[in-house]
Protein backbone atom coordinates (compact mmCIF):
# COMPACT_ATOMS: atom_id res chain seq x y z
CA UNK A 1 -72.54 -8.84 -83.77
CA UNK A 2 -71.24 -6.42 -81.17
CA UNK A 3 -71.50 -2.65 -81.07
CA UNK A 4 -70.43 0.07 -78.70
CA UNK A 5 -71.76 3.60 -78.29
CA UNK A 6 -71.24 6.55 -75.96
CA UNK A 7 -74.25 8.24 -74.39
CA UNK A 8 -73.22 11.26 -72.31
CA UNK A 9 -70.58 9.96 -69.90
CA UNK A 10 -71.62 6.32 -70.31
CA UNK A 11 -70.35 3.70 -72.70
CA UNK A 12 -73.02 1.21 -73.67
CA UNK A 13 -72.20 -2.08 -75.34
CA UNK A 14 -74.69 -4.15 -77.28
CA UNK A 15 -74.43 -7.75 -78.28
CA UNK A 16 -76.75 -9.61 -80.57
CA UNK A 17 -76.34 -13.15 -81.71
CA UNK A 18 -78.19 -16.28 -82.61
CA UNK A 19 -77.97 -18.55 -79.56
CA UNK A 20 -78.27 -22.26 -80.08
CA UNK A 21 -80.58 -24.63 -78.25
CA UNK A 22 -77.54 -25.99 -76.40
CA UNK A 23 -76.59 -22.52 -75.12
CA UNK A 24 -80.14 -21.90 -73.86
CA UNK A 25 -80.12 -25.30 -72.17
CA UNK A 26 -76.82 -24.46 -70.45
CA UNK A 27 -78.13 -21.06 -69.33
CA UNK A 28 -81.27 -22.73 -67.97
CA UNK A 29 -79.15 -25.21 -66.02
CA UNK A 30 -77.00 -22.41 -64.54
CA UNK A 31 -80.06 -20.44 -63.42
CA UNK A 32 -81.87 -23.48 -62.04
CA UNK A 33 -78.89 -24.64 -59.98
CA UNK A 34 -78.29 -21.13 -58.62
CA UNK A 35 -74.90 -20.58 -60.28
CA UNK A 36 -76.23 -17.60 -62.23
CA UNK A 37 -78.81 -15.22 -60.82
CA UNK A 38 -80.45 -12.29 -62.57
CA UNK A 39 -80.01 -8.95 -60.82
CA UNK A 40 -83.43 -7.32 -60.54
CA UNK A 41 -83.45 -3.61 -59.77
CA UNK A 42 -87.24 -3.33 -59.37
CA UNK A 43 -90.53 -5.04 -60.20
CA UNK A 44 -93.37 -2.89 -61.54
CA UNK A 45 -96.97 -3.94 -62.16
CA UNK A 46 -98.15 -3.42 -65.72
CA UNK A 47 -100.35 -0.55 -64.51
CA UNK A 48 -97.15 1.38 -63.61
CA UNK A 49 -95.22 0.72 -66.83
CA UNK A 50 -94.77 4.46 -67.40
CA UNK A 51 -92.94 4.74 -64.06
CA UNK A 52 -90.60 1.92 -65.08
CA UNK A 53 -89.90 3.64 -68.40
CA UNK A 54 -89.17 6.96 -66.68
CA UNK A 55 -86.71 5.18 -64.36
CA UNK A 56 -84.85 3.80 -67.38
CA UNK A 57 -84.76 7.19 -69.06
CA UNK A 58 -83.50 8.89 -65.89
CA UNK A 59 -80.57 6.48 -65.63
CA UNK A 60 -79.06 4.98 -62.52
CA UNK A 61 -80.88 1.67 -62.92
CA UNK A 62 -78.61 -1.22 -62.02
CA UNK A 63 -79.95 -4.57 -63.14
CA UNK A 64 -83.21 -5.44 -64.81
CA UNK A 65 -86.57 -3.77 -64.49
CA UNK A 66 -89.27 -6.41 -64.45
CA UNK A 67 -92.84 -5.71 -65.55
CA UNK A 68 -95.29 -8.01 -63.82
CA UNK A 69 -98.25 -9.04 -65.97
CA UNK A 70 -101.33 -10.57 -64.45
């Protein structure tokens, strides 16, 4: 399933599917061998989760926001 929406001046696309075990295994291989790397914008401790949420709401976040637990 794929959907597209416009929020202000931005177009956001969503994709949802049911990945197979084989696809997850391939993704794991690509990450482990360094072919594919996640782009992390920032890492926030759980105690600052509200700050991470505000950053998402404000926009301008490029990549993933990671919440560190523990």
